[in-house]
C-alpha atoms as a PDB file:
ATOM      1  CA  UNK A   1      11.007  83.899   1.384  1.00  0.00           C
ATOM      2  CA  UNK A   2      10.271  84.648   5.386  1.00  0.00           C
ATOM      3  CA  UNK A   3       6.347  85.487   6.076  1.00  0.00           C
ATOM      4  CA  UNK A   4       5.739  88.984   7.841  1.00  0.00           C
ATOM      5  CA  UNK A   5       3.471  87.912  10.882  1.00  0.00           C
ATOM      6  CA  UNK A   6       0.695  90.566  11.504  1.00  0.00           C
ATOM      7  CA  UNK A   7      -0.132  89.828  15.338  1.00  0.00           C
ATOM      8  CA  UNK A   8      -3.338  89.979  16.903  1.00  0.00           C
ATOM      9  CA  UNK A   9      -3.478  89.069  20.337  1.00  0.00           C
ATOM     10  CA  UNK A  10      -6.621  88.238  22.148  1.00  0.00           C
ATOM     11  CA  UNK A  11      -5.266  87.365  25.744  1.00  0.00           C
ATOM     12  CA  UNK A  12      -7.680  84.923  27.409  1.00  0.00           C
ATOM     13  CA  UNK A  13     -10.560  85.221  25.128  1.00  0.00           C
ATOM     14  CA  UNK A  14     -12.089  81.485  24.671  1.00  0.00           C
ATOM     15  CA  UNK A  15      -9.935  80.139  27.481  1.00  0.00           C
ATOM     16  CA  UNK A  16     -12.247  77.829  30.112  1.00  0.00           C
ATOM     17  CA  UNK A  17      -9.286  77.901  32.468  1.00  0.00           C
ATOM     18  CA  UNK A  18      -7.280  80.019  34.300  1.00  0.00           C
ATOM     19  CA  UNK A  19      -3.656  78.063  34.706  1.00  0.00           C
ATOM     20  CA  UNK A  20      -1.551  78.428  37.388  1.00  0.00           C
ATOM     21  CA  UNK A  21       1.187  80.256  35.803  1.00  0.00           C
ATOM     22  CA  UNK A  22      -0.647  82.432  33.206  1.00  0.00           C
ATOM     23  CA  UNK A  23      -1.439  85.937  32.894  1.00  0.00           C
ATOM     24  CA  UNK A  24      -1.507  86.499  29.268  1.00  0.00           C
ATOM     25  CA  UNK A  25      -2.598  89.982  29.631  1.00  0.00           C
ATOM     26  CA  UNK A  26       1.140  90.743  30.893  1.00  0.00           C
ATOM     27  CA  UNK A  27       2.783  88.342  28.649  1.00  0.00           C
ATOM     28  CA  UNK A  28       1.436  89.796  25.510  1.00  0.00           C
ATOM     29  CA  UNK A  29       1.292  93.502  26.772  1.00  0.00           C
ATOM     30  CA  UNK A  30      -2.752  93.393  25.542  1.00  0.00           C
ATOM     31  CA  UNK A  31      -5.807  93.432  27.080  1.00  0.00           C
ATOM     32  CA  UNK A  32      -7.135  90.620  25.176  1.00  0.00           C
ATOM     33  CA  UNK A  33      -9.966  92.798  23.065  1.00  0.00           C
ATOM     34  CA  UNK A  34     -11.524  90.995  19.897  1.00  0.00           C
ATOM     35  CA  UNK A  35     -10.536  93.255  17.141  1.00  0.00           C
ATOM     36  CA  UNK A  36     -13.094  94.780  14.981  1.00  0.00           C
ATOM     37  CA  UNK A  37     -13.305  94.256  11.037  1.00  0.00           C
ATOM     38  CA  UNK A  38     -12.531  97.369  10.584  1.00  0.00           C
ATOM     39  CA  UNK A  39      -9.261  97.289  12.566  1.00  0.00           C
ATOM     40  CA  UNK A  40      -8.288  94.116  11.070  1.00  0.00           C
ATOM     41  CA  UNK A  41      -8.230  95.281   7.641  1.00  0.00           C
ATOM     42  CA  UNK A  42      -6.286  98.511   8.686  1.00  0.00           C
ATOM     43  CA  UNK A  43      -3.831  96.660  10.265  1.00  0.00           C
ATOM     44  CA  UNK A  44      -3.205  94.548   7.287  1.00  0.00           C
ATOM     45  CA  UNK A  45      -2.977  97.458   5.172  1.00  0.00           C
ATOM     46  CA  UNK A  46      -0.342  99.170   6.936  1.00  0.00           C
ATOM     47  CA  UNK A  47       1.761  95.780   7.732  1.00  0.00           C
ATOM     48  CA  UNK A  48       1.612  95.409   3.968  1.00  0.00           C
ATOM     49  CA  UNK A  49       2.846  98.632   3.306  1.00  0.00           C
ATOM     50  CA  UNK A  50       5.883  98.257   5.311  1.00  0.00           C
ATOM     51  CA  UNK A  51       6.524  94.452   4.386  1.00  0.00           C
ATOM     52  CA  UNK A  52       7.864  95.195   0.874  1.00  0.00           C
ATOM     53  CA  UNK A  53       7.797  91.820  -1.115  1.00  0.00           C
ATOM     54  CA  UNK A  54       7.546  90.132   1.894  1.00  0.00           C
ATOM     55  CA  UNK A  55       4.425  87.367   2.251  1.00  0.00           C
ATOM     56  CA  UNK A  56       2.308  88.204   5.191  1.00  0.00           C
ATOM     57  CA  UNK A  57       0.473  86.225   7.297  1.00  0.00           C
ATOM     58  CA  UNK A  58      -1.946  86.772   9.994  1.00  0.00           C
ATOM     59  CA  UNK A  59      -1.489  85.660  13.365  1.00  0.00           C
ATOM     60  CA  UNK A  60      -4.045  85.271  16.326  1.00  0.00           C
ATOM     61  CA  UNK A  61      -1.885  85.059  19.851  1.00  0.00           C
ATOM     62  CA  UNK A  62      -3.075  84.014  23.226  1.00  0.00           C
ATOM     63  CA  UNK A  63      -6.217  83.278  24.221  1.00  0.00           C
ATOM     64  CA  UNK A  64      -8.056  79.950  22.962  1.00  0.00           C
ATOM     65  CA  UNK A  65      -9.208  80.743  19.185  1.00  0.00           C
ATOM     66  CA  UNK A  66     -11.109  77.283  18.636  1.00  0.00           C
ATOM     67  CA  UNK A  67     -13.036  77.866  21.983  1.00  0.00           C
ATOM     68  CA  UNK A  68     -14.543  81.137  20.937  1.00  0.00           C
ATOM     69  CA  UNK A  69     -18.259  80.603  19.733  1.00  0.00           C
ATOM     70  CA  UNK A  70     -18.018  79.439  15.884  1.00  0.00           C
ATOM     71  CA  UNK A  71     -19.968  83.084  14.746  1.00  0.00           C
ATOM     72  CA  UNK A  72     -16.980  84.681  16.673  1.00  0.00           C
ATOM     73  CA  UNK A  73     -14.543  83.080  15.077  1.00  0.00           C
ATOM     74  CA  UNK A  74     -16.003  83.661  11.718  1.00  0.00           C
ATOM     75  CA  UNK A  75     -16.132  87.404  12.814  1.00  0.00           C
ATOM     76  CA  UNK A  76     -12.834  87.469  13.273  1.00  0.00           C
ATOM     77  CA  UNK A  77     -11.426  85.390   9.695  1.00  0.00           C
ATOM     78  CA  UNK A  78     -14.554  86.985   7.339  1.00  0.00           C
ATOM     79  CA  UNK A  79     -12.541  89.898   6.951  1.00  0.00           C
ATOM     80  CA  UNK A  80      -9.326  88.276   6.123  1.00  0.00           C
ATOM     81  CA  UNK A  81     -10.962  86.544   2.959  1.00  0.00           C
ATOM     82  CA  UNK A  82     -10.661  89.248   0.375  1.00  0.00           C
ATOM     83  CA  UNK A  83      -7.271  89.833   1.447  1.00  0.00           C
ATOM     84  CA  UNK A  84      -6.548  86.222   0.653  1.00  0.00           C
ATOM     85  CA  UNK A  85      -8.252  85.990  -2.548  1.00  0.00           C
ATOM     86  CA  UNK A  86      -6.631  88.724  -3.774  1.00  0.00           C
ATOM     87  CA  UNK A  87      -2.693  87.612  -2.642  1.00  0.00           C
ATOM     88  CA  UNK A  88      -2.591  90.421   0.228  1.00  0.00           C
ATOM     89  CA  UNK A  89      -2.217  87.695   2.911  1.00  0.00           C
ATOM     90  CA  UNK A  90      -0.796  84.075   2.291  1.00  0.00           C
ATOM     91  CA  UNK A  91      -1.829  82.373   5.346  1.00  0.00           C
ATOM     92  CA  UNK A  92      -3.353  82.318   8.779  1.00  0.00           C
ATOM     93  CA  UNK A  93      -1.919  80.956  12.061  1.00  0.00           C
ATOM     94  CA  UNK A  94      -3.869  80.323  15.375  1.00  0.00           C
ATOM     95  CA  UNK A  95      -3.397  79.572  18.840  1.00  0.00           C
ATOM     96  CA  UNK A  96      -5.636  77.554  20.929  1.00  0.00           C
ATOM     97  CA  UNK A  97      -5.719  74.652  23.595  1.00  0.00           C
ATOM     98  CA  UNK A  98      -5.484  70.637  22.383  1.00  0.00           C
ATOM     99  CA  UNK A  99      -8.481  69.678  23.973  1.00  0.00           C
ATOM    100  CA  UNK A 100     -10.469  72.206  21.574  1.00  0.00           C
ATOM    101  CA  UNK A 101      -8.920  70.517  18.573  1.00  0.00           C
ATOM    102  CA  UNK A 102     -10.759  68.038  16.167  1.00  0.00           C
ATOM    103  CA  UNK A 103     -10.925  66.885  12.782  1.00  0.00           C
ATOM    104  CA  UNK A 104     -14.529  69.141  12.311  1.00  0.00           C
ATOM    105  CA  UNK A 105     -12.473  72.178  13.929  1.00  0.00           C
ATOM    106  CA  UNK A 106      -9.428  71.704  11.676  1.00  0.00           C
ATOM    107  CA  UNK A 107     -11.243  71.345   8.537  1.00  0.00           C
ATOM    108  CA  UNK A 108     -13.804  74.527   9.434  1.00  0.00           C
ATOM    109  CA  UNK A 109     -10.536  76.160   9.988  1.00  0.00           C
ATOM    110  CA  UNK A 110      -8.915  74.953   6.932  1.00  0.00           C
ATOM    111  CA  UNK A 111     -11.937  76.176   4.516  1.00  0.00           C
ATOM    112  CA  UNK A 112     -11.398  79.500   6.053  1.00  0.00           C
ATOM    113  CA  UNK A 113      -7.497  80.026   4.916  1.00  0.00           C
ATOM    114  CA  UNK A 114      -5.809  78.642   8.293  1.00  0.00           C
ATOM    115  CA  UNK A 115      -2.477  76.699   7.773  1.00  0.00           C
ATOM    116  CA  UNK A 116      -1.010  76.725  11.010  1.00  0.00           C
ATOM    117  CA  UNK A 117      -2.352  76.042  14.467  1.00  0.00           C
ATOM    118  CA  UNK A 118      -0.113  76.183  17.616  1.00  0.00           C
ATOM    119  CA  UNK A 119      -1.301  73.950  20.359  1.00  0.00           C
ATOM    120  CA  UNK A 120      -0.581  75.032  23.982  1.00  0.00           C
ATOM    121  CA  UNK A 121       1.183  71.548  24.953  1.00  0.00           C
ATOM    122  CA  UNK A 122       3.109  72.738  28.111  1.00  0.00           C
ATOM    123  CA  UNK A 123       3.887  69.120  29.061  1.00  0.00           C
ATOM    124  CA  UNK A 124       2.893  65.768  28.053  1.00  0.00           C
ATOM    125  CA  UNK A 125       3.197  64.484  31.676  1.00  0.00           C
ATOM    126  CA  UNK A 126      -0.703  64.404  32.866  1.00  0.00           C
ATOM    127  CA  UNK A 127       0.940  64.886  36.861  1.00  0.00           C
ATOM    128  CA  UNK A 128       2.336  68.014  35.340  1.00  0.00           C
ATOM    129  CA  UNK A 129      -0.519  69.362  33.710  1.00  0.00           C
ATOM    130  CA  UNK A 130      -3.147  68.639  36.570  1.00  0.00           C
ATOM    131  CA  UNK A 131      -0.718  70.438  38.872  1.00  0.00           C
ATOM    132  CA  UNK A 132      -0.240  73.336  36.470  1.00  0.00           C
ATOM    133  CA  UNK A 133      -4.387  73.385  36.169  1.00  0.00           C
ATOM    134  CA  UNK A 134      -4.083  72.785  32.541  1.00  0.00           C
ATOM    135  CA  UNK A 135      -7.700  71.023  32.366  1.00  0.00           C
ATOM    136  CA  UNK A 136      -6.329  68.308  29.238  1.00  0.00           C
ATOM    137  CA  UNK A 137      -3.877  65.504  29.060  1.00  0.00           C
ATOM    138  CA  UNK A 138      -1.065  64.472  27.162  1.00  0.00           C
ATOM    139  CA  UNK A 139      -3.310  62.627  25.093  1.00  0.00           C
ATOM    140  CA  UNK A 140      -5.198  65.478  24.269  1.00  0.00           C
ATOM    141  CA  UNK A 141      -2.096  66.884  22.580  1.00  0.00           C
ATOM    142  CA  UNK A 142      -1.247  63.716  20.480  1.00  0.00           C
ATOM    143  CA  UNK A 143      -4.584  63.648  18.838  1.00  0.00           C
ATOM    144  CA  UNK A 144      -4.781  67.133  18.263  1.00  0.00           C
ATOM    145  CA  UNK A 145      -0.885  67.461  16.455  1.00  0.00           C
ATOM    146  CA  UNK A 146      -2.312  64.090  14.509  1.00  0.00           C
ATOM    147  CA  UNK A 147      -5.716  66.017  13.586  1.00  0.00           C
ATOM    148  CA  UNK A 148      -4.021  68.883  12.511  1.00  0.00           C
ATOM    149  CA  UNK A 149      -1.498  66.918  10.282  1.00  0.00           C
ATOM    150  CA  UNK A 150      -4.297  64.547   8.899  1.00  0.00           C
ATOM    151  CA  UNK A 151      -5.903  67.653   7.345  1.00  0.00           C
ATOM    152  CA  UNK A 152      -2.796  68.802   5.946  1.00  0.00           C
ATOM    153  CA  UNK A 153      -1.823  71.609   8.233  1.00  0.00           C
ATOM    154  CA  UNK A 154       1.276  73.017  10.020  1.00  0.00           C
ATOM    155  CA  UNK A 155       1.479  71.907  13.727  1.00  0.00           C
ATOM    156  CA  UNK A 156       3.303  73.736  16.225  1.00  0.00           C
ATOM    157  CA  UNK A 157       3.876  73.133  19.788  1.00  0.00           C
ATOM    158  CA  UNK A 158       4.686  75.092  22.688  1.00  0.00           C
ATOM    159  CA  UNK A 159       6.146  73.672  25.927  1.00  0.00           C
ATOM    160  CA  UNK A 160       6.678  74.688  29.179  1.00  0.00           C
ATOM    161  CA  UNK A 161      10.030  73.177  30.937  1.00  0.00           C
ATOM    162  CA  UNK A 162       9.971  73.715  34.858  1.00  0.00           C
ATOM    163  CA  UNK A 163       6.303  73.667  35.504  1.00  0.00           C
ATOM    164  CA  UNK A 164       4.759  72.471  39.483  1.00  0.00           C
ATOM    165  CA  UNK A 165       6.084  68.582  39.155  1.00  0.00           C
ATOM    166  CA  UNK A 166       8.219  68.902  36.019  1.00  0.00           C
ATOM    167  CA  UNK A 167      11.645  67.167  35.765  1.00  0.00           C
ATOM    168  CA  UNK A 168      14.178  67.914  33.027  1.00  0.00           C
ATOM    169  CA  UNK A 169      13.795  64.210  32.180  1.00  0.00           C
ATOM    170  CA  UNK A 170      10.137  64.689  31.863  1.00  0.00           C
ATOM    171  CA  UNK A 171      10.661  68.276  29.655  1.00  0.00           C
ATOM    172  CA  UNK A 172      12.819  66.266  27.369  1.00  0.00           C
ATOM    173  CA  UNK A 173      10.257  63.278  26.855  1.00  0.00           C
ATOM    174  CA  UNK A 174       7.833  65.924  26.298  1.00  0.00           C
ATOM    175  CA  UNK A 175       9.074  67.235  23.671  1.00  0.00           C
ATOM    176  CA  UNK A 176      10.532  63.791  22.145  1.00  0.00           C
ATOM    177  CA  UNK A 177       6.882  62.880  22.007  1.00  0.00           C
ATOM    178  CA  UNK A 178       5.293  65.578  20.537  1.00  0.00           C
ATOM    179  CA  UNK A 179       8.172  65.468  17.091  1.00  0.00           C
ATOM    180  CA  UNK A 180       7.520  62.422  17.177  1.00  0.00           C
ATOM    181  CA  UNK A 181       3.398  63.114  16.861  1.00  0.00           C
ATOM    182  CA  UNK A 182       4.268  64.956  14.167  1.00  0.00           C
ATOM    183  CA  UNK A 183       5.363  69.071  15.235  1.00  0.00           C
ATOM    184  CA  UNK A 184       6.387  70.894  12.361  1.00  0.00           C
ATOM    185  CA  UNK A 185       7.786  73.781  14.769  1.00  0.00           C
ATOM    186  CA  UNK A 186       8.394  74.303  18.296  1.00  0.00           C
ATOM    187  CA  UNK A 187       8.582  77.191  20.946  1.00  0.00           C
ATOM    188  CA  UNK A 188      10.153  76.872  24.296  1.00  0.00           C
ATOM    189  CA  UNK A 189       8.939  79.182  27.253  1.00  0.00           C
ATOM    190  CA  UNK A 190      10.347  78.148  30.458  1.00  0.00           C
ATOM    191  CA  UNK A 191       8.481  78.763  33.134  1.00  0.00           C
ATOM    192  CA  UNK A 192       8.343  82.340  35.038  1.00  0.00           C
ATOM    193  CA  UNK A 193       6.448  83.141  38.171  1.00  0.00           C
ATOM    194  CA  UNK A 194       4.201  86.426  37.195  1.00  0.00           C
ATOM    195  CA  UNK A 195       2.806  88.853  39.746  1.00  0.00           C
ATOM    196  CA  UNK A 196      -0.538  87.771  40.554  1.00  0.00           C
ATOM    197  CA  UNK A 197      -0.711  84.314  39.703  1.00  0.00           C
ATOM    198  CA  UNK A 198      -1.465  81.185  41.473  1.00  0.00           C
ATOM    199  CA  UNK A 199       2.091  80.339  40.838  1.00  0.00           C
ATOM    200  CA  UNK A 200       3.473  83.643  42.327  1.00  0.00           C
ATOM    201  CA  UNK A 201       1.428  83.005  45.692  1.00  0.00           C
ATOM    202  CA  UNK A 202       2.530  78.968  45.734  1.00  0.00           C
ATOM    203  CA  UNK A 203       6.420  80.896  45.030  1.00  0.00           C
ATOM    204  CA  UNK A 204       5.710  83.368  47.960  1.00  0.00           C
ATOM    205  CA  UNK A 205       4.950  80.020  50.288  1.00  0.00           C
ATOM    206  CA  UNK A 206       7.755  78.258  49.496  1.00  0.00           C
ATOM    207  CA  UNK A 207       5.373  75.490  47.512  1.00  0.00           C
ATOM    208  CA  UNK A 208       7.209  76.203  44.347  1.00  0.00           C
ATOM    209  CA  UNK A 209      10.897  76.385  43.200  1.00  0.00           C
ATOM    210  CA  UNK A 210      11.046  77.797  39.945  1.00  0.00           C
ATOM    211  CA  UNK A 211      14.065  77.263  37.277  1.00  0.00           C
ATOM    212  CA  UNK A 212      16.906  79.613  37.674  1.00  0.00           C
ATOM    213  CA  UNK A 213      18.402  81.221  34.588  1.00  0.00           C
ATOM    214  CA  UNK A 214      21.356  78.966  34.530  1.00  0.00           C
ATOM    215  CA  UNK A 215      19.568  75.724  34.851  1.00  0.00           C
ATOM    216  CA  UNK A 216      17.099  77.172  32.413  1.00  0.00           C
ATOM    217  CA  UNK A 217      19.551  77.539  30.016  1.00  0.00           C
ATOM    218  CA  UNK A 218      21.196  74.361  30.545  1.00  0.00           C
ATOM    219  CA  UNK A 219      17.782  72.331  30.012  1.00  0.00           C
ATOM    220  CA  UNK A 220      16.613  74.718  27.034  1.00  0.00           C
ATOM    221  CA  UNK A 221      20.088  74.142  25.566  1.00  0.00           C
ATOM    222  CA  UNK A 222      19.580  70.366  25.719  1.00  0.00           C
ATOM    223  CA  UNK A 223      15.831  70.460  24.649  1.00  0.00           C
ATOM    224  CA  UNK A 224      16.873  72.859  21.434  1.00  0.00           C
ATOM    225  CA  UNK A 225      19.708  70.511  20.644  1.00  0.00           C
ATOM    226  CA  UNK A 226      17.476  67.310  20.508  1.00  0.00           C
ATOM    227  CA  UNK A 227      15.091  69.462  18.486  1.00  0.00           C
ATOM    228  CA  UNK A 228      18.015  70.177  15.642  1.00  0.00           C
ATOM    229  CA  UNK A 229      19.022  66.407  15.849  1.00  0.00           C
ATOM    230  CA  UNK A 230      15.290  65.852  15.001  1.00  0.00           C
ATOM    231  CA  UNK A 231      15.426  68.342  12.379  1.00  0.00           C
ATOM    232  CA  UNK A 232      12.288  70.362  14.033  1.00  0.00           C
ATOM    233  CA  UNK A 233      12.880  74.165  14.005  1.00  0.00           C
ATOM    234  CA  UNK A 234      12.651  75.985  17.564  1.00  0.00           C
ATOM    235  CA  UNK A 235      11.324  79.263  16.436  1.00  0.00           C
ATOM    236  CA  UNK A 236      11.487  81.243  19.837  1.00  0.00           C
ATOM    237  CA  UNK A 237      13.086  79.893  23.008  1.00  0.00           C
ATOM    238  CA  UNK A 238      11.792  82.723  26.260  1.00  0.00           C
ATOM    239  CA  UNK A 239       9.050  85.167  26.376  1.00  0.00           C
ATOM    240  CA  UNK A 240       8.854  87.953  24.177  1.00  0.00           C
ATOM    241  CA  UNK A 241      10.301  91.201  26.278  1.00  0.00           C
ATOM    242  CA  UNK A 242       7.177  93.218  25.998  1.00  0.00           C
ATOM    243  CA  UNK A 243       6.637  95.913  28.257  1.00  0.00           C
ATOM    244  CA  UNK A 244       4.857  93.942  30.755  1.00  0.00           C
ATOM    245  CA  UNK A 245       7.594  91.563  31.309  1.00  0.00           C
ATOM    246  CA  UNK A 246      10.080  93.755  33.976  1.00  0.00           C
ATOM    247  CA  UNK A 247      10.611  93.567  37.258  1.00  0.00           C
ATOM    248  CA  UNK A 248       7.977  94.161  39.011  1.00  0.00           C
ATOM    249  CA  UNK A 249       5.822  91.528  37.174  1.00  0.00           C
ATOM    250  CA  UNK A 250       8.572  88.794  37.113  1.00  0.00           C
ATOM    251  CA  UNK A 251       9.244  87.547  40.128  1.00  0.00           C
ATOM    252  CA  UNK A 252      11.281  84.570  39.542  1.00  0.00           C
ATOM    253  CA  UNK A 253      11.985  81.958  37.130  1.00  0.00           C
ATOM    254  CA  UNK A 254      14.071  81.244  33.832  1.00  0.00           C
ATOM    255  CA  UNK A 255      13.445  84.971  32.230  1.00  0.00           C
ATOM    256  CA  UNK A 256      16.161  87.412  30.012  1.00  0.00           C
ATOM    257  CA  UNK A 257      15.338  89.074  27.495  1.00  0.00           C
ATOM    258  CA  UNK A 258      17.750  87.475  25.012  1.00  0.00           C
ATOM    259  CA  UNK A 259      16.945  83.908  26.494  1.00  0.00           C
ATOM    260  CA  UNK A 260      17.077  82.663  23.058  1.00  0.00           C
ATOM    261  CA  UNK A 261      20.356  83.783  22.029  1.00  0.00           C
ATOM    262  CA  UNK A 262      21.751  82.743  25.606  1.00  0.00           C
ATOM    263  CA  UNK A 263      20.721  79.141  24.759  1.00  0.00           C
ATOM    264  CA  UNK A 264      21.955  78.934  21.131  1.00  0.00           C
ATOM    265  CA  UNK A 265      25.309  80.887  22.224  1.00  0.00           C
ATOM    266  CA  UNK A 266      25.639  78.346  25.269  1.00  0.00           C
ATOM    267  CA  UNK A 267      25.687  75.065  22.131  1.00  0.00           C
ATOM    268  CA  UNK A 268      28.582  76.940  20.150  1.00  0.00           C
ATOM    269  CA  UNK A 269      30.724  77.564  23.543  1.00  0.00           C
ATOM    270  CA  UNK A 270      30.188  73.829  24.319  1.00  0.00           C
ATOM    271  CA  UNK A 271      31.712  73.203  21.248  1.00  0.00           C
ATOM    272  CA  UNK A 272      34.333  75.188  21.486  1.00  0.00           C
ATOM    273  CA  UNK A 273      35.033  73.987  24.639  1.00  0.00           C
ATOM    274  CA  UNK A 274      35.344  70.525  23.728  1.00  0.00           C
ATOM    275  CA  UNK A 275      37.845  71.084  21.065  1.00  0.00           C
ATOM    276  CA  UNK A 276      39.830  73.514  22.162  1.00  0.00           C
ATOM    277  CA  UNK A 277      42.015  72.445  25.099  1.00  0.00           C
ATOM    278  CA  UNK A 278      42.907  75.581  27.881  1.00  0.00           C
ATOM    279  CA  UNK A 279      45.865  77.626  26.377  1.00  0.00           C
ATOM    280  CA  UNK A 280      45.077  77.189  22.766  1.00  0.00           C
ATOM    281  CA  UNK A 281      45.284  79.994  20.390  1.00  0.00           C
ATOM    282  CA  UNK A 282      42.538  79.405  17.270  1.00  0.00           C
ATOM    283  CA  UNK A 283      40.429  80.774  14.588  1.00  0.00           C
ATOM    284  CA  UNK A 284      37.288  79.986  14.782  1.00  0.00           C
ATOM    285  CA  UNK A 285      35.155  79.887  11.729  1.00  0.00           C
ATOM    286  CA  UNK A 286      31.322  80.320  11.470  1.00  0.00           C
ATOM    287  CA  UNK A 287      28.373  81.238   9.047  1.00  0.00           C
ATOM    288  CA  UNK A 288      28.066  84.886   8.884  1.00  0.00           C
ATOM    289  CA  UNK A 289      24.842  84.953  10.904  1.00  0.00           C
ATOM    290  CA  UNK A 290      26.489  82.921  13.811  1.00  0.00           C
ATOM    291  CA  UNK A 291      28.798  85.467  14.555  1.00  0.00           C
ATOM    292  CA  UNK A 292      26.712  86.966  17.654  1.00  0.00           C
ATOM    293  CA  UNK A 293      26.222  83.428  18.661  1.00  0.00           C
ATOM    294  CA  UNK A 294      29.624  82.327  18.798  1.00  0.00           C
ATOM    295  CA  UNK A 295      30.923  85.559  20.561  1.00  0.00           C
ATOM    296  CA  UNK A 296      27.991  85.104  23.203  1.00  0.00           C
ATOM    297  CA  UNK A 297      25.566  87.636  24.725  1.00  0.00           C
ATOM    298  CA  UNK A 298      27.882  90.625  25.616  1.00  0.00           C
ATOM    299  CA  UNK A 299      30.905  88.749  24.849  1.00  0.00           C
ATOM    300  CA  UNK A 300      30.093  86.133  27.268  1.00  0.00           C
ATOM    301  CA  UNK A 301      31.621  83.019  25.102  1.00  0.00           C
ATOM    302  CA  UNK A 302      34.776  84.823  24.397  1.00  0.00           C
ATOM    303  CA  UNK A 303      34.855  85.913  28.489  1.00  0.00           C
ATOM    304  CA  UNK A 304      34.705  82.412  29.410  1.00  0.00           C
ATOM    305  CA  UNK A 305      37.507  81.128  26.933  1.00  0.00           C
ATOM    306  CA  UNK A 306      39.934  83.668  28.347  1.00  0.00           C
ATOM    307  CA  UNK A 307      39.478  82.481  31.905  1.00  0.00           C
ATOM    308  CA  UNK A 308      40.384  79.349  30.662  1.00  0.00           C
ATOM    309  CA  UNK A 309      43.706  80.586  28.779  1.00  0.00           C
ATOM    310  CA  UNK A 310      42.093  80.074  25.139  1.00  0.00           C
ATOM    311  CA  UNK A 311      42.204  82.974  22.908  1.00  0.00           C
ATOM    312  CA  UNK A 312      39.509  83.074  20.060  1.00  0.00           C
ATOM    313  CA  UNK A 313      39.319  85.087  16.898  1.00  0.00           C
ATOM    314  CA  UNK A 314      36.253  84.778  14.947  1.00  0.00           C
ATOM    315  CA  UNK A 315      36.086  84.860  11.336  1.00  0.00           C
ATOM    316  CA  UNK A 316      32.811  84.518   9.357  1.00  0.00           C
ATOM    317  CA  UNK A 317      32.537  81.948   6.385  1.00  0.00           C
ATOM    318  CA  UNK A 318      29.315  81.800   4.454  1.00  0.00           C
ATOM    319  CA  UNK A 319      30.652  77.822   3.380  1.00  0.00           C
ATOM    320  CA  UNK A 320      29.824  76.604   6.604  1.00  0.00           C
ATOM    321  CA  UNK A 321      26.100  75.096   7.553  1.00  0.00           C
ATOM    322  CA  UNK A 322      24.567  77.015  10.525  1.00  0.00           C
ATOM    323  CA  UNK A 323      25.331  74.885  13.129  1.00  0.00           C
ATOM    324  CA  UNK A 324      28.911  74.278  12.070  1.00  0.00           C
ATOM    325  CA  UNK A 325      32.047  75.867  13.216  1.00  0.00           C
ATOM    326  CA  UNK A 326      35.544  75.210  11.790  1.00  0.00           C
ATOM    327  CA  UNK A 327      38.510  75.328  14.156  1.00  0.00           C
ATOM    328  CA  UNK A 328      41.625  76.387  12.758  1.00  0.00           C
ATOM    329  CA  UNK A 329      44.700  75.685  14.893  1.00  0.00           C
ATOM    330  CA  UNK A 330      48.205  75.731  14.399  1.00  0.00           C
ATOM    331  CA  UNK A 331      48.706  72.576  12.835  1.00  0.00           C
ATOM    332  CA  UNK A 332      45.035  71.525  11.877  1.00  0.00           C
ATOM    333  CA  UNK A 333      41.760  72.868  10.253  1.00  0.00           C
ATOM    334  CA  UNK A 334      38.330  70.893  11.416  1.00  0.00           C
ATOM    335  CA  UNK A 335      34.819  71.197  10.570  1.00  0.00           C
ATOM    336  CA  UNK A 336      32.572  70.340  13.593  1.00  0.00           C
ATOM    337  CA  UNK A 337      28.652  70.234  13.950  1.00  0.00           C
ATOM    338  CA  UNK A 338      26.805  71.121  16.947  1.00  0.00           C
ATOM    339  CA  UNK A 339      24.172  68.443  16.092  1.00  0.00           C
ATOM    340  CA  UNK A 340      26.952  65.362  15.414  1.00  0.00           C
ATOM    341  CA  UNK A 341      29.451  66.368  17.727  1.00  0.00           C
ATOM    342  CA  UNK A 342      28.116  67.749  20.584  1.00  0.00           C
ATOM    343  CA  UNK A 343      26.451  64.987  23.287  1.00  0.00           C
ATOM    344  CA  UNK A 344      24.775  65.392  26.189  1.00  0.00           C
ATOM    345  CA  UNK A 345      23.331  63.580  29.376  1.00  0.00           C
ATOM    346  CA  UNK A 346      20.035  65.496  30.890  1.00  0.00           C
ATOM    347  CA  UNK A 347      21.112  64.501  34.469  1.00  0.00           C
ATOM    348  CA  UNK A 348      23.758  67.227  33.706  1.00  0.00           C
ATOM    349  CA  UNK A 349      20.888  70.007  34.435  1.00  0.00           C
END
């Protein structure tokens, strides 16, 4: 059964750097104040009352949890202990920087119920990291993932394609490296230019060219495809569409409130394009949860197929895997897989 996440946003808390792209308060819509023990307990009780039978997981997002003083970390984790012991709470998740993770920290967190650690890796390329003001290296990320896995915890990696100095090739190599190191899941956040950041100043001065929405979708599509082939889930693509992320604060970059669906939909559109010729009429069978992805955002996939004379009828079929399509033509009916039947070149981005 899928866990329900009880989120606490501690934006910028503990973080020793201000990266060129970062404004956590805008991204999260939270001011970053640390919650009190009473606020933590009250929120858990509220979410427990609405979550039904689903297990609960508390997550501390934003900031750098393990860079906080140890006594501050203890104050945040201690109120969770009774909920863990009585079964109200299933686990704890934190987010932090790769250079603030080591064996001692992971062991200490594990003893207090933390089961998942997400790392702001962003890139594995040292030049990109330096140009972005990250203050850590690719080697720090590899060591952090290995340490998390050594102690039996789940390791997540956040990647940011499109940073200063980044290329599609570097983004793909970064993804492949964190997968090889043992990351259990990924988040992909294409770089956006936020008002008030150093990146906004570089953009205004003409010293930074962000990914467009189209190029960002094309790149993220290939990153997602690579992760799918490695059987590593990508649990989010694109920043959460919170109140702070609007036309006033997002100046440029690969931003759309439904970016994840746009990316996934492109994979299904590409699969149909590969195996359906112009002018054909077909019935496309897909898993029921993928009907909207096959249709496309605002029916975009169907419209793009219509432009080349293809008529598509979509039929849900629960016997299919979520990455499969069964394409039925007048004289044939064949099942295809996004994982095995699509092939991309990073140079296409």
